[in-house]
N, C-alpha and C. Protein backbone atom coordinates (compact mmCIF):
# COMPACT_ATOMS: atom_id res chain seq x y z
N MET A 1 240.68 23.52 95.07
CA MET A 1 240.28 24.49 94.01
C MET A 1 239.05 25.38 94.68
N ALA A 2 238.32 24.67 95.47
CA ALA A 2 237.19 25.60 96.20
C ALA A 2 237.93 26.62 97.10
N LEU A 3 238.91 26.16 97.76
CA LEU A 3 239.56 27.09 98.53
C LEU A 3 239.96 28.37 97.82
N ASN A 4 240.84 27.95 96.66
CA ASN A 4 241.22 29.01 95.79
C ASN A 4 240.48 29.95 95.46
N MET A 5 239.12 29.51 95.01
CA MET A 5 238.28 30.34 94.38
C MET A 5 237.62 31.25 95.72
N VAL A 6 237.66 30.69 96.92
CA VAL A 6 237.01 31.50 97.96
C VAL A 6 238.04 32.57 98.31
N ILE A 7 239.20 32.49 98.26
CA ILE A 7 240.32 33.52 98.33
C ILE A 7 240.73 34.21 97.09
N ALA A 8 240.14 33.85 95.88
CA ALA A 8 240.41 34.61 94.68
C ALA A 8 240.09 35.93 94.65
N PRO A 9 239.20 36.57 95.27
CA PRO A 9 239.13 38.14 95.25
C PRO A 9 240.03 38.81 96.30
N LEU A 10 241.13 38.06 96.89
CA LEU A 10 242.13 38.58 97.59
C LEU A 10 243.28 39.14 96.95
N TRP A 11 243.16 39.28 95.62
CA TRP A 11 244.23 39.75 94.90
C TRP A 11 244.47 41.32 94.96
N PHE A 12 245.76 41.68 94.45
CA PHE A 12 246.00 43.18 94.59
C PHE A 12 246.56 43.54 93.32
N PRO A 13 246.74 44.77 92.87
CA PRO A 13 247.19 45.25 91.68
C PRO A 13 248.78 45.47 92.17
N PHE A 14 249.71 45.17 91.48
CA PHE A 14 251.08 45.22 91.69
C PHE A 14 251.83 45.50 90.27
N LEU A 15 252.35 46.78 90.14
CA LEU A 15 252.73 47.09 88.78
C LEU A 15 251.92 46.72 87.85
N ALA A 16 252.07 45.88 86.68
CA ALA A 16 251.01 45.62 85.75
C ALA A 16 250.40 44.20 85.94
N THR A 17 250.53 43.74 87.15
CA THR A 17 250.13 42.56 87.42
C THR A 17 248.94 42.31 88.51
N LYS A 18 248.28 41.23 88.45
CA LYS A 18 247.20 41.13 89.48
C LYS A 18 247.95 39.97 90.47
N ALA A 19 248.54 40.48 91.53
CA ALA A 19 249.22 39.72 92.40
C ALA A 19 248.02 38.96 93.29
N PHE A 20 248.36 37.49 93.42
CA PHE A 20 247.57 36.69 94.20
C PHE A 20 248.17 35.69 94.88
N PRO A 21 248.73 36.04 96.22
CA PRO A 21 249.58 35.08 96.86
C PRO A 21 248.66 33.72 97.23
N GLY A 22 247.32 33.72 97.06
CA GLY A 22 246.78 32.51 97.43
C GLY A 22 246.86 31.48 96.20
N GLN A 23 246.95 31.89 94.99
CA GLN A 23 247.57 30.85 93.91
C GLN A 23 248.53 29.95 94.49
N HIS A 24 249.64 30.67 94.65
CA HIS A 24 250.88 30.18 94.95
C HIS A 24 250.86 29.19 96.46
N LEU A 25 250.10 29.83 97.29
CA LEU A 25 249.83 28.95 98.46
C LEU A 25 249.22 27.70 98.12
N ILE A 26 248.17 27.80 97.23
CA ILE A 26 247.73 26.52 96.86
C ILE A 26 248.47 25.63 96.05
N ASN A 27 249.33 26.20 95.18
CA ASN A 27 250.34 25.59 94.47
C ASN A 27 251.36 24.71 95.33
N SER A 28 251.85 25.32 96.42
CA SER A 28 252.70 24.84 97.16
C SER A 28 252.14 23.58 97.85
N ILE A 29 250.85 23.97 98.51
CA ILE A 29 250.33 22.72 99.32
C ILE A 29 249.84 21.63 98.26
N ALA A 30 249.27 21.73 96.99
CA ALA A 30 249.14 20.72 96.07
C ALA A 30 250.36 19.98 95.67
N GLY A 31 251.45 20.73 95.32
CA GLY A 31 252.52 20.18 95.03
C GLY A 31 253.29 19.04 96.13
N VAL A 32 253.08 19.53 97.26
CA VAL A 32 253.31 18.72 98.28
C VAL A 32 252.51 17.45 98.68
N TYR A 33 251.12 17.75 98.67
CA TYR A 33 250.44 16.80 99.02
C TYR A 33 249.97 15.75 97.87
N LEU A 34 249.74 16.33 96.53
CA LEU A 34 249.21 15.56 95.46
C LEU A 34 250.38 15.56 94.46
N GLY A 35 251.36 16.23 94.37
CA GLY A 35 252.29 15.92 93.24
C GLY A 35 252.52 16.74 92.30
N PRO A 36 253.33 16.79 91.22
CA PRO A 36 253.33 17.81 90.33
C PRO A 36 252.52 17.83 89.30
N ILE A 37 251.80 16.68 88.88
CA ILE A 37 250.89 16.65 87.68
C ILE A 37 249.54 17.34 88.30
N TRP A 38 248.99 16.99 89.58
CA TRP A 38 247.79 17.49 90.14
C TRP A 38 248.03 18.93 90.58
N ALA A 39 249.19 19.33 90.93
CA ALA A 39 249.15 20.70 91.05
C ALA A 39 249.08 21.56 89.93
N ALA A 40 249.66 21.08 88.83
CA ALA A 40 249.75 21.85 87.40
C ALA A 40 248.14 21.69 87.01
N VAL A 41 247.57 20.60 87.21
CA VAL A 41 246.14 20.75 86.81
C VAL A 41 245.26 21.62 87.56
N ILE A 42 245.54 21.68 89.03
CA ILE A 42 244.66 22.41 89.67
C ILE A 42 245.00 23.98 89.30
N ALA A 43 246.20 24.44 89.04
CA ALA A 43 246.52 25.67 88.76
C ALA A 43 245.91 26.13 87.39
N ALA A 44 245.98 25.26 86.43
CA ALA A 44 245.22 25.60 85.09
C ALA A 44 243.97 25.79 85.31
N ILE A 45 243.03 24.71 86.16
CA ILE A 45 241.79 25.07 86.32
C ILE A 45 241.42 26.43 87.02
N VAL A 46 242.13 26.68 88.09
CA VAL A 46 241.97 28.04 88.82
C VAL A 46 242.18 29.15 87.93
N GLY A 47 243.33 29.04 87.11
CA GLY A 47 243.46 30.07 86.10
C GLY A 47 242.30 30.29 85.28
N VAL A 48 241.63 29.31 84.61
CA VAL A 48 240.61 29.47 83.74
C VAL A 48 239.28 30.21 84.72
N MET A 49 239.38 29.60 85.86
CA MET A 49 237.99 30.19 86.75
C MET A 49 238.22 31.74 87.18
N ARG A 50 239.56 31.81 87.39
CA ARG A 50 239.69 33.33 87.68
C ARG A 50 239.42 34.29 86.51
N ASN A 51 240.15 33.80 85.36
CA ASN A 51 239.69 34.58 84.05
C ASN A 51 238.36 34.66 83.67
N ALA A 52 237.74 33.51 83.96
CA ALA A 52 236.34 33.63 83.63
C ALA A 52 235.47 34.59 84.69
N LEU A 53 235.96 34.84 85.81
CA LEU A 53 235.38 35.82 86.89
C LEU A 53 235.89 37.12 86.69
N GLY A 54 236.92 37.26 85.74
CA GLY A 54 237.64 38.65 85.65
C GLY A 54 238.37 39.10 86.62
N ILE A 55 239.01 38.17 87.42
CA ILE A 55 239.87 38.50 88.33
C ILE A 55 241.13 37.75 88.10
N GLY A 56 241.41 37.37 86.88
CA GLY A 56 242.73 36.86 86.49
C GLY A 56 243.08 37.43 85.25
N THR A 57 244.14 37.08 84.95
CA THR A 57 244.75 37.46 83.40
C THR A 57 245.41 36.40 82.78
N ILE A 58 245.62 36.57 81.48
CA ILE A 58 246.27 35.24 80.87
C ILE A 58 247.68 34.91 81.42
N TYR A 59 248.29 35.68 82.26
CA TYR A 59 249.41 35.45 82.86
C TYR A 59 249.29 34.35 83.91
N ALA A 60 247.89 34.02 84.38
CA ALA A 60 247.69 33.08 85.56
C ALA A 60 248.20 31.71 85.13
N PHE A 61 248.34 31.50 83.75
CA PHE A 61 248.83 30.09 83.47
C PHE A 61 250.30 30.03 83.58
N PRO A 62 251.25 30.89 82.89
CA PRO A 62 252.57 30.40 83.10
C PRO A 62 253.17 31.07 84.63
N GLY A 63 252.14 31.84 85.26
CA GLY A 63 252.43 32.35 86.67
C GLY A 63 252.24 31.24 87.65
N GLY A 64 251.08 30.31 87.46
CA GLY A 64 250.66 29.51 88.32
C GLY A 64 251.38 28.00 88.09
N ILE A 65 251.19 27.51 86.80
CA ILE A 65 251.71 26.02 86.70
C ILE A 65 252.89 25.62 87.15
N PRO A 66 253.99 26.34 86.52
CA PRO A 66 255.46 26.01 86.97
C PRO A 66 255.74 25.87 88.32
N GLY A 67 255.06 26.70 89.12
CA GLY A 67 255.41 26.64 90.37
C GLY A 67 254.99 25.44 91.20
N GLY A 68 253.89 25.12 91.08
CA GLY A 68 253.37 23.73 91.37
C GLY A 68 254.07 22.45 91.09
N ILE A 69 254.62 22.61 89.65
CA ILE A 69 255.33 21.43 89.26
C ILE A 69 256.68 21.40 90.02
N ILE A 70 257.38 22.49 90.15
CA ILE A 70 258.60 22.44 90.82
C ILE A 70 258.51 22.03 92.22
N VAL A 71 257.37 22.39 92.94
CA VAL A 71 257.35 22.12 94.32
C VAL A 71 257.04 20.54 94.17
N GLY A 72 256.14 20.12 93.49
CA GLY A 72 255.75 18.62 93.65
C GLY A 72 257.24 17.74 93.15
N LEU A 73 258.05 18.20 92.19
CA LEU A 73 259.29 17.50 91.93
C LEU A 73 260.14 17.59 93.08
N MET A 74 260.32 18.76 93.66
CA MET A 74 261.29 18.83 94.58
C MET A 74 260.94 18.15 95.79
N TYR A 75 259.52 18.06 96.14
CA TYR A 75 259.29 17.15 97.38
C TYR A 75 259.48 15.84 97.10
N ASN A 76 259.05 15.45 95.92
CA ASN A 76 259.45 13.82 95.55
C ASN A 76 261.00 13.70 95.72
N PHE A 77 261.97 14.66 95.22
CA PHE A 77 263.37 14.36 95.33
C PHE A 77 263.78 14.32 96.77
N LEU A 78 263.38 15.38 97.58
CA LEU A 78 263.87 15.71 99.01
C LEU A 78 263.33 14.37 99.89
N ARG A 79 262.15 13.78 99.62
CA ARG A 79 261.63 12.71 100.38
C ARG A 79 262.75 11.38 100.15
N LYS A 80 263.55 11.53 99.35
CA LYS A 80 264.48 10.27 98.98
C LYS A 80 265.65 10.38 99.99
N PHE A 81 265.87 11.74 100.48
CA PHE A 81 266.88 11.95 101.42
C PHE A 81 266.56 12.44 102.84
N LEU A 82 265.28 12.92 102.99
CA LEU A 82 265.06 13.63 104.21
C LEU A 82 263.71 12.92 104.57
N ASP A 83 263.47 13.07 105.83
CA ASP A 83 262.05 12.55 106.58
C ASP A 83 261.05 13.63 105.90
N GLU A 84 259.77 13.29 106.02
CA GLU A 84 258.66 13.89 105.56
C GLU A 84 258.46 15.41 105.81
N LYS A 85 258.74 15.46 107.35
CA LYS A 85 258.85 16.79 107.91
C LYS A 85 259.66 17.92 107.41
N LYS A 86 261.06 17.29 107.26
CA LYS A 86 262.05 18.18 106.44
C LYS A 86 261.76 18.54 105.00
N ALA A 87 261.10 17.54 104.40
CA ALA A 87 260.98 17.82 102.92
C ALA A 87 259.69 18.69 102.52
N LEU A 88 258.98 19.20 103.73
CA LEU A 88 258.07 20.30 103.50
C LEU A 88 258.79 21.49 103.03
N ILE A 89 260.01 21.53 103.16
CA ILE A 89 260.84 22.82 102.77
C ILE A 89 260.55 23.16 101.47
N SER A 90 260.32 21.97 100.63
CA SER A 90 260.04 22.28 99.11
C SER A 90 258.85 23.25 98.78
N ALA A 91 258.08 23.50 99.72
CA ALA A 91 256.97 24.51 99.31
C ALA A 91 257.59 25.87 99.20
N LEU A 92 258.75 26.10 99.69
CA LEU A 92 259.40 27.28 99.53
C LEU A 92 260.04 27.44 98.01
N PHE A 93 260.10 26.14 97.31
CA PHE A 93 260.68 26.41 95.71
C PHE A 93 259.60 26.80 94.86
N GLU A 94 258.42 27.17 95.33
CA GLU A 94 257.33 27.49 94.34
C GLU A 94 257.80 28.84 93.50
N PRO A 95 258.48 29.90 94.21
CA PRO A 95 259.03 30.86 93.27
C PRO A 95 260.07 30.57 92.36
N VAL A 96 260.86 29.49 92.51
CA VAL A 96 261.69 28.99 91.60
C VAL A 96 260.98 28.84 90.11
N GLY A 97 259.97 27.98 90.31
CA GLY A 97 259.03 27.64 89.22
C GLY A 97 258.21 28.94 88.42
N THR A 98 257.86 29.53 89.50
CA THR A 98 257.16 30.95 88.94
C THR A 98 257.78 31.89 88.36
N LEU A 99 258.96 32.14 89.10
CA LEU A 99 259.96 33.42 88.60
C LEU A 99 260.85 32.93 87.48
N PHE A 100 261.52 31.79 87.61
CA PHE A 100 262.59 31.26 86.64
C PHE A 100 262.17 30.44 85.53
N VAL A 101 260.89 29.84 85.58
CA VAL A 101 260.33 29.09 84.46
C VAL A 101 259.03 29.70 84.07
N GLY A 102 258.32 30.38 84.85
CA GLY A 102 257.06 30.79 84.42
C GLY A 102 257.31 32.27 83.87
N ALA A 103 257.94 32.94 84.44
CA ALA A 103 258.39 34.43 83.84
C ALA A 103 258.95 34.34 82.57
N PRO A 104 259.93 33.56 82.22
CA PRO A 104 260.43 33.53 80.86
C PRO A 104 259.32 33.10 79.72
N LEU A 105 258.72 32.11 80.27
CA LEU A 105 257.58 31.45 79.47
C LEU A 105 256.56 32.58 79.15
N ALA A 106 256.27 33.14 80.04
CA ALA A 106 255.26 34.41 79.80
C ALA A 106 255.92 35.63 78.93
N LEU A 107 257.12 35.86 79.22
CA LEU A 107 257.74 36.75 78.42
C LEU A 107 257.71 36.45 76.86
N PHE A 108 257.90 35.22 76.72
CA PHE A 108 258.21 34.88 75.09
C PHE A 108 256.86 34.23 74.55
N MET A 109 255.98 33.80 75.35
CA MET A 109 254.63 33.19 74.69
C MET A 109 253.47 34.16 75.00
N VAL A 110 253.38 34.47 76.31
CA VAL A 110 252.02 35.27 76.53
C VAL A 110 252.18 36.67 76.26
N SER A 111 253.33 37.56 76.52
CA SER A 111 253.37 39.00 76.47
C SER A 111 253.05 39.25 75.05
N PRO A 112 253.50 38.53 73.85
CA PRO A 112 252.99 38.89 72.46
C PRO A 112 251.63 38.75 72.35
N LEU A 113 251.06 38.12 73.01
CA LEU A 113 249.60 37.95 72.86
C LEU A 113 248.69 38.52 73.76
N ALA A 114 249.19 39.33 74.52
CA ALA A 114 248.42 39.99 75.67
C ALA A 114 247.37 41.02 75.04
N PRO A 115 247.75 41.77 73.96
CA PRO A 115 246.85 42.75 73.24
C PRO A 115 245.64 41.93 72.57
N LEU A 116 245.89 40.68 72.21
CA LEU A 116 244.57 39.93 71.53
C LEU A 116 243.67 39.72 72.60
N PHE A 117 244.02 39.58 73.84
CA PHE A 117 243.20 39.34 74.85
C PHE A 117 242.62 40.89 75.70
N GLY A 118 242.98 41.92 74.91
CA GLY A 118 242.42 43.05 75.73
C GLY A 118 243.27 43.42 76.82
N GLN A 119 244.42 43.00 77.09
CA GLN A 119 245.53 43.18 78.25
C GLN A 119 246.54 44.06 77.64
N GLU A 120 246.23 44.94 76.94
CA GLU A 120 247.53 45.85 76.29
C GLU A 120 248.43 46.03 77.52
N SER A 121 248.08 46.53 78.56
CA SER A 121 249.22 47.00 79.57
C SER A 121 250.11 46.22 79.92
N MET A 122 249.58 44.76 79.67
CA MET A 122 250.60 43.54 80.08
C MET A 122 251.25 43.23 79.07
N SER A 123 251.52 43.74 77.91
CA SER A 123 252.36 43.25 76.82
C SER A 123 253.65 43.91 76.90
N LEU A 124 254.43 43.55 76.15
CA LEU A 124 255.86 43.92 76.36
C LEU A 124 255.96 45.36 76.81
N ALA A 125 256.69 45.66 77.61
CA ALA A 125 257.17 47.09 78.21
C ALA A 125 257.98 47.82 77.11
N PRO A 126 258.00 49.02 77.08
CA PRO A 126 258.70 49.88 76.11
C PRO A 126 260.18 49.69 75.96
N GLY A 127 260.69 49.28 77.13
CA GLY A 127 262.10 49.02 77.31
C GLY A 127 262.67 47.53 76.74
N GLY A 128 261.67 46.92 76.23
CA GLY A 128 261.84 45.59 75.58
C GLY A 128 261.84 44.37 76.63
N TYR A 129 262.45 43.28 76.17
CA TYR A 129 262.48 42.05 76.97
C TYR A 129 263.02 42.20 78.36
N LEU A 130 264.09 42.58 78.45
CA LEU A 130 264.62 42.77 79.92
C LEU A 130 263.87 43.51 80.72
N ILE A 131 263.28 44.67 80.68
CA ILE A 131 262.42 45.54 81.31
C ILE A 131 261.27 44.71 81.70
N THR A 132 260.55 43.87 80.56
CA THR A 132 259.37 43.26 80.81
C THR A 132 259.68 42.18 81.80
N LEU A 133 260.80 41.42 81.79
CA LEU A 133 261.03 40.25 82.35
C LEU A 133 261.29 40.67 83.92
N LEU A 134 262.06 41.90 84.15
CA LEU A 134 261.98 42.47 85.48
C LEU A 134 260.67 42.95 86.07
N TYR A 135 259.83 43.52 85.14
CA TYR A 135 258.37 43.60 85.91
C TYR A 135 257.70 42.45 86.26
N LEU A 136 258.06 41.53 85.46
CA LEU A 136 257.42 39.93 85.92
C LEU A 136 258.04 39.55 87.22
N TRP A 137 259.25 39.64 87.19
CA TRP A 137 260.08 38.97 88.35
C TRP A 137 259.53 39.78 89.75
N VAL A 138 259.65 41.14 89.73
CA VAL A 138 259.28 42.03 90.70
C VAL A 138 257.76 41.78 91.17
N GLY A 139 256.81 41.89 90.13
CA GLY A 139 255.45 41.76 90.26
C GLY A 139 254.88 40.43 90.83
N TRP A 140 255.54 39.38 89.99
CA TRP A 140 255.26 37.99 90.53
C TRP A 140 256.05 37.53 91.82
N GLY A 141 256.99 38.06 92.12
CA GLY A 141 257.71 37.93 93.31
C GLY A 141 256.97 38.42 94.47
N ALA A 142 256.34 39.48 94.28
CA ALA A 142 255.46 40.04 95.42
C ALA A 142 254.16 39.13 95.83
N SER A 143 253.90 38.37 94.86
CA SER A 143 252.79 37.14 95.05
C SER A 143 253.35 35.87 95.54
N CYS A 144 254.39 35.41 94.74
CA CYS A 144 254.55 34.16 94.89
C CYS A 144 255.42 33.66 96.11
N ILE A 145 256.32 34.97 96.70
CA ILE A 145 257.16 34.92 97.93
C ILE A 145 256.26 34.57 99.11
N PRO A 146 255.16 35.51 99.26
CA PRO A 146 254.55 35.23 100.52
C PRO A 146 253.55 34.23 100.46
N GLY A 147 253.11 33.94 99.19
CA GLY A 147 252.24 32.74 99.20
C GLY A 147 252.89 31.35 99.52
N SER A 148 254.09 31.25 98.94
CA SER A 148 254.91 30.00 99.45
C SER A 148 255.35 29.95 100.85
N VAL A 149 255.55 31.10 101.45
CA VAL A 149 255.95 31.11 102.95
C VAL A 149 254.80 30.79 103.79
N ILE A 150 253.68 31.22 103.27
CA ILE A 150 252.57 31.19 104.20
C ILE A 150 252.06 29.41 104.01
N ALA A 151 252.24 29.01 102.86
CA ALA A 151 251.97 27.61 102.51
C ALA A 151 252.85 26.68 103.35
N PHE A 152 254.21 27.22 103.45
CA PHE A 152 255.17 26.42 104.29
C PHE A 152 254.64 26.34 105.74
N MET A 153 254.18 27.43 106.24
CA MET A 153 253.79 27.70 107.63
C MET A 153 252.25 26.55 107.77
N VAL A 154 251.59 26.68 106.85
CA VAL A 154 250.40 25.97 106.91
C VAL A 154 250.65 24.43 106.78
N LEU A 155 251.54 24.18 106.05
CA LEU A 155 252.18 22.62 106.04
C LEU A 155 252.75 22.24 107.26
N VAL A 156 253.59 23.08 107.97
CA VAL A 156 254.29 22.61 109.11
C VAL A 156 253.17 22.66 110.50
N THR A 157 252.12 23.30 110.22
CA THR A 157 251.16 23.36 111.28
C THR A 157 250.17 22.12 111.01
N LEU A 158 249.98 21.89 109.79
CA LEU A 158 249.23 20.42 109.48
C LEU A 158 250.10 19.44 109.94
N GLU A 159 251.37 19.48 109.60
CA GLU A 159 252.28 18.37 110.24
C GLU A 159 252.03 18.14 111.73
N LYS A 160 252.34 19.29 112.27
CA LYS A 160 252.22 19.31 113.71
C LYS A 160 251.02 18.56 114.31
N SER A 161 250.11 18.74 113.63
CA SER A 161 248.51 18.51 114.07
C SER A 161 248.21 17.04 113.83
N GLY A 162 249.23 16.33 112.89
CA GLY A 162 249.19 14.92 112.51
C GLY A 162 248.40 14.73 111.14
N LEU A 163 248.40 15.85 110.25
CA LEU A 163 247.78 15.54 109.15
C LEU A 163 249.09 15.83 107.90
N ASN A 164 249.17 14.55 107.38
CA ASN A 164 250.44 14.59 106.47
C ASN A 164 250.06 13.61 105.46
N ARG A 165 251.03 13.44 104.63
CA ARG A 165 250.83 12.33 103.43
C ARG A 165 250.58 10.85 103.85
N ARG A 166 251.58 10.63 105.09
CA ARG A 166 251.37 9.31 105.61
C ARG A 166 250.18 8.96 106.18
N ILE A 167 249.45 9.87 106.79
CA ILE A 167 248.05 9.68 107.35
C ILE A 167 246.94 9.74 106.30
N MET A 168 247.05 10.69 105.30
CA MET A 168 246.24 10.94 104.49
C MET A 168 246.17 9.84 103.24
N PHE A 169 247.23 9.36 102.85
CA PHE A 169 247.45 8.47 101.70
C PHE A 169 248.02 7.28 101.99
N GLY A 170 248.45 7.07 103.34
CA GLY A 170 248.92 5.74 103.71
C GLY A 170 250.41 5.58 103.01
N GLU A 171 251.12 6.71 102.80
CA GLU A 171 252.58 6.46 102.22
C GLU A 171 253.50 6.12 103.44
N LYS A 172 254.42 5.47 102.92
CA LYS A 172 255.71 5.45 103.91
C LYS A 172 256.77 6.43 103.27
N ASN A 173 257.44 6.88 104.27
CA ASN A 173 258.55 7.75 103.79
C ASN A 173 259.63 6.91 103.54
N GLU A 174 260.29 7.13 102.28
CA GLU A 174 261.39 6.53 101.62
C GLU A 174 262.64 6.43 102.85
N VAL A 175 262.91 7.32 103.66
CA VAL A 175 263.95 7.59 104.54
C VAL A 175 263.60 6.49 105.60
N GLU A 176 262.39 6.31 106.02
CA GLU A 176 261.92 5.47 107.19
C GLU A 176 262.28 4.03 106.64
N GLY A 177 262.12 3.76 105.40
CA GLY A 177 262.17 2.30 104.91
C GLY A 177 263.60 1.87 104.73
N ARG A 178 264.64 2.58 105.21
CA ARG A 178 265.98 2.17 105.04
C ARG A 178 266.47 1.61 106.27
């Protein structure tokens, strides 16, 4: 969480969103190293902190939490069939959670509430639900795709340097146990 707050000012405006690839970078790393529950907790806490600092929006929650959950679930699934190094590919599934779970949640649960939080520009687009969903997909895609790719590169680098779940937590890979 500390790293996320250090890089939190590195957001950029994109359409009506505040794109922050760092959130998705942290989601992917947390999902792989800590699992889906802790990735969700970290995303929620960072969302609160970014909003408190004025550099986040109410979309930080549906835009952050599902991505970390999907990465953690996918990593746990892939470890049953692949060695740990190959299972790192799960970091690239963060956009699946963000775009295909988080964006619809945001569309139907958060967008109607945006004006109540002083974020009128982030409520439903004049074209309706489909246009708003497209805005979310494009805007969030500009954030979560680079964030997850960077996370994958960081995870591969950490793996090559010997820092992985086996070393950090003493875990055995399920594939090795066969």
